[in-house]
Amino acid sequence: MLERVRQTWLPRLLFVLTAAAALGLLLAVLLAPRLAEELRSAEDELDLVRLFARDAVVRRTAVASGLGLLVTAFVFFRPAPPEEPEKRPPDNIAGA
């Protein structure tokens, strides 16, 4: 049972968590400028939102990190393909 959990659930969980972190970074880069504009009018602008909205180095680093995490998820944590039943040659054929 423990071996089955380790082989099926753990890679799936790590894949989902890594992909979610990558998509979170990419969404932060995409949505920060709009959110900063909305928060500027409310005078409640957060420093982290302002940083993602205005700093090019942070945005480039976040995009590169997000893409790297996405590649990591697909390379190291992709779910195993479903097991196929073992194919055996037919028993009723005469062979050489």
Protein backbone atom coordinates (compact mmCIF):
# COMPACT_ATOMS: atom_id res chain seq x y z
CA MET A 1 0.00 0.00 0.00
CA LEU A 2 2.75 2.45 0.94
CA GLU A 3 4.59 1.64 -2.28
CA ARG A 4 1.45 2.36 -4.31
CA VAL A 5 1.01 5.71 -2.59
CA ARG A 6 4.63 6.60 -3.23
CA GLN A 7 4.39 5.67 -6.91
CA THR A 8 1.04 7.28 -7.72
CA TRP A 9 -0.06 9.99 -5.30
CA LEU A 10 3.26 11.59 -4.41
CA PRO A 11 4.32 12.36 -8.01
CA ARG A 12 0.85 13.68 -8.79
CA LEU A 13 0.83 15.89 -5.70
CA LEU A 14 4.30 17.25 -6.43
CA PHE A 15 3.33 17.84 -10.07
CA VAL A 16 0.22 19.78 -9.11
CA LEU A 17 2.01 21.85 -6.45
CA THR A 18 4.92 22.71 -8.75
CA ALA A 19 2.63 23.57 -11.66
CA ALA A 20 0.46 25.71 -9.37
CA ALA A 21 3.50 27.62 -8.12
CA ALA A 22 4.63 28.21 -11.71
CA LEU A 23 1.21 29.41 -12.81
CA GLY A 24 0.97 31.61 -9.72
CA LEU A 25 4.20 33.37 -10.63
CA LEU A 26 3.11 33.85 -14.23
CA LEU A 27 -0.30 35.17 -13.14
CA ALA A 28 1.35 37.57 -10.71
CA VAL A 29 3.38 39.03 -13.56
CA LEU A 30 0.31 39.32 -15.80
CA LEU A 31 -2.15 40.69 -13.24
CA ALA A 32 0.09 42.98 -11.16
CA PRO A 33 -0.08 46.03 -13.48
CA ARG A 34 -3.89 45.99 -13.51
CA LEU A 35 -4.08 45.41 -9.79
CA ALA A 36 -1.63 48.22 -9.14
CA GLU A 37 -3.77 50.60 -11.21
CA GLU A 38 -6.88 49.67 -9.24
CA LEU A 39 -5.09 49.95 -5.91
CA ARG A 40 -3.49 53.28 -6.82
CA SER A 41 -6.90 54.92 -6.84
CA ALA A 42 -7.69 53.39 -3.44
CA GLU A 43 -4.36 54.52 -1.91
CA ASP A 44 -3.91 50.98 -0.58
CA GLU A 45 -1.25 49.84 -3.01
CA LEU A 46 0.83 47.00 -1.61
CA ASP A 47 4.59 47.03 -1.98
CA LEU A 48 4.67 43.52 -3.45
CA VAL A 49 2.07 44.40 -6.09
CA ARG A 50 3.95 47.59 -6.93
CA LEU A 51 7.19 45.62 -7.22
CA PHE A 52 5.68 43.09 -9.64
CA ALA A 53 3.98 45.86 -11.60
CA ARG A 54 6.96 48.18 -12.10
CA ASP A 55 10.28 46.35 -11.70
CA ALA A 56 11.42 44.74 -14.95
CA VAL A 57 14.07 42.58 -13.28
CA VAL A 58 11.52 41.07 -10.89
CA ARG A 59 9.09 40.43 -13.73
CA ARG A 60 11.72 38.74 -15.93
CA THR A 61 12.97 36.65 -13.02
CA ALA A 62 9.44 35.60 -12.13
CA VAL A 63 8.67 34.58 -15.72
CA ALA A 64 11.92 32.61 -16.01
CA SER A 65 11.31 30.95 -12.64
CA GLY A 66 7.74 30.10 -13.57
CA LEU A 67 8.81 28.51 -16.83
CA GLY A 68 11.59 26.64 -15.06
CA LEU A 69 9.16 25.30 -12.46
CA LEU A 70 6.75 24.22 -15.20
CA VAL A 71 9.53 22.32 -16.99
CA THR A 72 10.57 20.78 -13.67
CA ALA A 73 7.01 19.62 -13.07
CA PHE A 74 6.78 17.92 -16.45
CA VAL A 75 10.27 16.38 -16.36
CA PHE A 76 10.50 15.12 -12.80
CA PHE A 77 6.95 14.77 -11.51
CA ARG A 78 4.85 13.76 -14.49
CA PRO A 79 2.41 10.99 -13.68
CA ALA A 80 3.41 7.51 -14.80
CA PRO A 81 1.54 6.13 -17.81
CA PRO A 82 -1.10 3.55 -17.00
CA GLU A 83 0.23 0.02 -16.87
CA GLU A 84 -0.71 -2.15 -19.81
CA PRO A 85 -1.36 -5.86 -19.39
CA GLU A 86 1.55 -8.04 -20.37
CA LYS A 87 1.34 -9.15 -24.01
CA ARG A 88 2.07 -12.83 -24.49
CA PRO A 89 2.30 -14.71 -27.76
CA PRO A 90 -0.62 -17.02 -28.51
CA ASP A 91 -0.22 -20.62 -27.31
CA ASN A 92 -2.04 -22.31 -30.21
CA ILE A 93 0.40 -21.47 -33.02
CA ALA A 94 3.15 -23.73 -34.27
CA GLY A 95 6.42 -21.88 -34.49
CA ALA A 96 9.99 -22.38 -35.51
